[in-house]
Amino acid sequence: MAHPEFTCSVSVQHLPAQSDPKQQLYAFAYTVTIRNTGDIMAQLVARHWIITDAEDHRQEVRGLAVVGHQPVLKPGEHFEYTSWTRIATPHGTMRGTFLCMTDDAEPFDAPVPEFALTLASALH
């Protein structure tokens, strides 16, 4: 039986040039790597992000594609992209789900485990 599976990993970087602490705006870039760890070809179709700041304010972002792409990945292939977000506190979290589809139009989710959005200086 064919098994579709995408595995996601993320790295985060603070963007000081796009941040303005006086305005309570803290910007972070995140690079997502999506790897087809299943045994059939599948396509990433849509995304759903939940972004939470330190004061528990939540933003939900939904949309088709990632940075204008809906990559089709064969087993073993990966797709990487970088995007960014802003929150009102120096640290917060993000987690999400990619909606994916097999060639047979069988939908499946690829979860993105929660990751931290954190200013290094905010940890001290």
C-alpha atoms as a PDB file:
ATOM      1  CA  MET A   1       0.000   0.000   0.000  1.00  0.00           C
ATOM      2  CA  ALA A   2       1.384   3.395  -1.000  1.00  0.00           C
ATOM      3  CA  HIS A   3       2.188   5.714   1.871  1.00  0.00           C
ATOM      4  CA  PRO A   4       2.260   9.520   1.375  1.00  0.00           C
ATOM      5  CA  GLU A   5       4.300  11.485   3.908  1.00  0.00           C
ATOM      6  CA  PHE A   6       5.994  14.886   3.961  1.00  0.00           C
ATOM      7  CA  THR A   7       8.336  15.755   6.837  1.00  0.00           C
ATOM      8  CA  CYS A   8       8.956  19.431   7.653  1.00  0.00           C
ATOM      9  CA  SER A   9      11.774  21.216   9.463  1.00  0.00           C
ATOM     10  CA  VAL A  10      12.258  24.924  10.157  1.00  0.00           C
ATOM     11  CA  SER A  11      15.069  27.339  10.965  1.00  0.00           C
ATOM     12  CA  VAL A  12      14.379  30.869  12.253  1.00  0.00           C
ATOM     13  CA  GLN A  13      16.269  34.142  12.108  1.00  0.00           C
ATOM     14  CA  HIS A  14      15.402  37.496  13.721  1.00  0.00           C
ATOM     15  CA  LEU A  15      15.143  40.396  11.233  1.00  0.00           C
ATOM     16  CA  PRO A  16      16.297  43.542  13.071  1.00  0.00           C
ATOM     17  CA  ALA A  17      15.900  45.771   9.981  1.00  0.00           C
ATOM     18  CA  GLN A  18      12.192  44.868   9.719  1.00  0.00           C
ATOM     19  CA  SER A  19      11.612  45.133  13.478  1.00  0.00           C
ATOM     20  CA  ASP A  20      10.652  48.223  15.475  1.00  0.00           C
ATOM     21  CA  PRO A  21      10.562  47.522  19.233  1.00  0.00           C
ATOM     22  CA  LYS A  22       9.133  51.023  19.914  1.00  0.00           C
ATOM     23  CA  GLN A  23       6.123  50.044  17.768  1.00  0.00           C
ATOM     24  CA  GLN A  24       6.027  46.518  19.274  1.00  0.00           C
ATOM     25  CA  LEU A  25       6.941  44.927  15.943  1.00  0.00           C
ATOM     26  CA  TYR A  26       9.376  42.023  15.942  1.00  0.00           C
ATOM     27  CA  ALA A  27      10.119  40.406  12.578  1.00  0.00           C
ATOM     28  CA  PHE A  28      11.372  36.873  12.003  1.00  0.00           C
ATOM     29  CA  ALA A  29      12.338  34.992   8.849  1.00  0.00           C
ATOM     30  CA  TYR A  30      11.674  31.273   8.783  1.00  0.00           C
ATOM     31  CA  THR A  31      13.062  28.763   6.311  1.00  0.00           C
ATOM     32  CA  VAL A  32      10.960  25.636   5.862  1.00  0.00           C
ATOM     33  CA  THR A  33      12.288  22.426   4.347  1.00  0.00           C
ATOM     34  CA  ILE A  34       9.597  20.018   3.162  1.00  0.00           C
ATOM     35  CA  ARG A  35      10.866  16.522   2.352  1.00  0.00           C
ATOM     36  CA  ASN A  36       8.876  13.722   0.739  1.00  0.00           C
ATOM     37  CA  THR A  37       9.625  10.869   3.161  1.00  0.00           C
ATOM     38  CA  GLY A  38       6.799   8.710   1.804  1.00  0.00           C
ATOM     39  CA  ASP A  39       6.933   6.292  -1.092  1.00  0.00           C
ATOM     40  CA  ILE A  40       4.697   8.091  -3.633  1.00  0.00           C
ATOM     41  CA  MET A  41       4.775  11.410  -5.465  1.00  0.00           C
ATOM     42  CA  ALA A  42       2.616  14.149  -3.922  1.00  0.00           C
ATOM     43  CA  GLN A  43       1.976  17.887  -4.115  1.00  0.00           C
ATOM     44  CA  LEU A  44       1.893  20.615  -1.488  1.00  0.00           C
ATOM     45  CA  VAL A  45      -1.348  22.524  -2.118  1.00  0.00           C
ATOM     46  CA  ALA A  46      -2.065  24.895   0.779  1.00  0.00           C
ATOM     47  CA  ARG A  47      -0.831  26.120   4.150  1.00  0.00           C
ATOM     48  CA  HIS A  48      -2.294  26.927   7.560  1.00  0.00           C
ATOM     49  CA  TRP A  49      -0.157  28.723  10.163  1.00  0.00           C
ATOM     50  CA  ILE A  50      -0.959  29.560  13.783  1.00  0.00           C
ATOM     51  CA  ILE A  51       1.285  32.361  15.076  1.00  0.00           C
ATOM     52  CA  THR A  52       1.152  33.168  18.801  1.00  0.00           C
ATOM     53  CA  ASP A  53       2.996  35.967  20.600  1.00  0.00           C
ATOM     54  CA  ALA A  54       4.087  35.999  24.267  1.00  0.00           C
ATOM     55  CA  GLU A  55       0.803  37.661  25.293  1.00  0.00           C
ATOM     56  CA  ASP A  56      -1.151  34.792  23.719  1.00  0.00           C
ATOM     57  CA  HIS A  57      -2.430  36.865  20.774  1.00  0.00           C
ATOM     58  CA  ARG A  58      -3.051  34.431  17.912  1.00  0.00           C
ATOM     59  CA  GLN A  59      -2.966  35.015  14.175  1.00  0.00           C
ATOM     60  CA  GLU A  60      -4.087  32.354  11.729  1.00  0.00           C
ATOM     61  CA  VAL A  61      -2.842  32.454   8.157  1.00  0.00           C
ATOM     62  CA  ARG A  62      -4.369  30.227   5.486  1.00  0.00           C
ATOM     63  CA  GLY A  63      -3.747  30.184   1.778  1.00  0.00           C
ATOM     64  CA  LEU A  64      -2.973  28.263  -1.357  1.00  0.00           C
ATOM     65  CA  ALA A  65       0.662  27.502  -2.134  1.00  0.00           C
ATOM     66  CA  VAL A  66       3.837  28.626  -0.366  1.00  0.00           C
ATOM     67  CA  VAL A  67       5.625  31.692  -1.768  1.00  0.00           C
ATOM     68  CA  GLY A  68       3.706  31.209  -5.025  1.00  0.00           C
ATOM     69  CA  HIS A  69       4.640  27.527  -5.440  1.00  0.00           C
ATOM     70  CA  GLN A  70       2.739  24.259  -5.164  1.00  0.00           C
ATOM     71  CA  PRO A  71       5.696  21.892  -5.444  1.00  0.00           C
ATOM     72  CA  VAL A  72       5.278  18.310  -6.622  1.00  0.00           C
ATOM     73  CA  LEU A  73       7.786  16.100  -4.808  1.00  0.00           C
ATOM     74  CA  LYS A  74       8.849  12.592  -5.723  1.00  0.00           C
ATOM     75  CA  PRO A  75       9.968  10.299  -2.881  1.00  0.00           C
ATOM     76  CA  GLY A  76      13.270  11.610  -1.494  1.00  0.00           C
ATOM     77  CA  GLU A  77      12.902  15.087  -3.039  1.00  0.00           C
ATOM     78  CA  HIS A  78      12.604  18.260  -0.988  1.00  0.00           C
ATOM     79  CA  PHE A  79      11.495  21.873  -1.399  1.00  0.00           C
ATOM     80  CA  GLU A  80      12.791  24.764   0.664  1.00  0.00           C
ATOM     81  CA  TYR A  81      11.430  28.291   0.981  1.00  0.00           C
ATOM     82  CA  THR A  82      11.852  31.328   3.206  1.00  0.00           C
ATOM     83  CA  SER A  83       9.096  33.645   4.361  1.00  0.00           C
ATOM     84  CA  TRP A  84       8.654  35.976   7.307  1.00  0.00           C
ATOM     85  CA  THR A  85       6.212  37.177   9.941  1.00  0.00           C
ATOM     86  CA  ARG A  86       5.900  39.907  12.557  1.00  0.00           C
ATOM     87  CA  ILE A  87       4.630  39.632  16.119  1.00  0.00           C
ATOM     88  CA  ALA A  88       4.104  42.212  18.897  1.00  0.00           C
ATOM     89  CA  THR A  89       6.482  40.648  21.450  1.00  0.00           C
ATOM     90  CA  PRO A  90      10.204  39.679  21.342  1.00  0.00           C
ATOM     91  CA  HIS A  91       9.261  36.008  21.394  1.00  0.00           C
ATOM     92  CA  GLY A  92       6.421  33.761  20.366  1.00  0.00           C
ATOM     93  CA  THR A  93       5.732  30.517  18.550  1.00  0.00           C
ATOM     94  CA  MET A  94       4.551  29.264  15.199  1.00  0.00           C
ATOM     95  CA  ARG A  95       3.135  25.923  14.096  1.00  0.00           C
ATOM     96  CA  GLY A  96       1.263  24.816  11.062  1.00  0.00           C
ATOM     97  CA  THR A  97       0.011  22.290   8.604  1.00  0.00           C
ATOM     98  CA  PHE A  98       0.494  21.885   4.884  1.00  0.00           C
ATOM     99  CA  LEU A  99      -2.412  20.361   2.973  1.00  0.00           C
ATOM    100  CA  CYS A 100      -0.981  17.934   0.444  1.00  0.00           C
ATOM    101  CA  MET A 101      -2.451  15.762  -2.282  1.00  0.00           C
ATOM    102  CA  THR A 102      -1.348  12.495  -3.870  1.00  0.00           C
ATOM    103  CA  ASP A 103      -1.588  11.851  -7.632  1.00  0.00           C
ATOM    104  CA  ASP A 104      -4.847  10.023  -6.892  1.00  0.00           C
ATOM    105  CA  ALA A 105      -6.253  13.227  -5.292  1.00  0.00           C
ATOM    106  CA  GLU A 106      -6.004  11.676  -1.837  1.00  0.00           C
ATOM    107  CA  PRO A 107      -5.511  14.522   0.678  1.00  0.00           C
ATOM    108  CA  PHE A 108      -3.109  14.271   3.611  1.00  0.00           C
ATOM    109  CA  ASP A 109      -1.652  16.721   6.129  1.00  0.00           C
ATOM    110  CA  ALA A 110       2.022  17.455   6.712  1.00  0.00           C
ATOM    111  CA  PRO A 111       2.319  18.965  10.209  1.00  0.00           C
ATOM    112  CA  VAL A 112       4.963  21.564  11.027  1.00  0.00           C
ATOM    113  CA  PRO A 113       5.904  21.114  14.698  1.00  0.00           C
ATOM    114  CA  GLU A 114       5.798  24.232  16.859  1.00  0.00           C
ATOM    115  CA  PHE A 115       8.946  26.349  16.672  1.00  0.00           C
ATOM    116  CA  ALA A 116      10.106  29.430  18.586  1.00  0.00           C
ATOM    117  CA  LEU A 117      10.282  32.982  17.311  1.00  0.00           C
ATOM    118  CA  THR A 118      12.802  34.465  19.741  1.00  0.00           C
ATOM    119  CA  LEU A 119      15.139  37.415  19.981  1.00  0.00           C
ATOM    120  CA  ALA A 120      18.457  36.180  21.347  1.00  0.00           C
ATOM    121  CA  SER A 121      18.622  39.241  23.635  1.00  0.00           C
ATOM    122  CA  ALA A 122      15.147  38.451  25.054  1.00  0.00           C
ATOM    123  CA  LEU A 123      16.475  35.215  26.578  1.00  0.00           C
ATOM    124  CA  HIS A 124      18.818  36.939  29.036  1.00  0.00           C
END
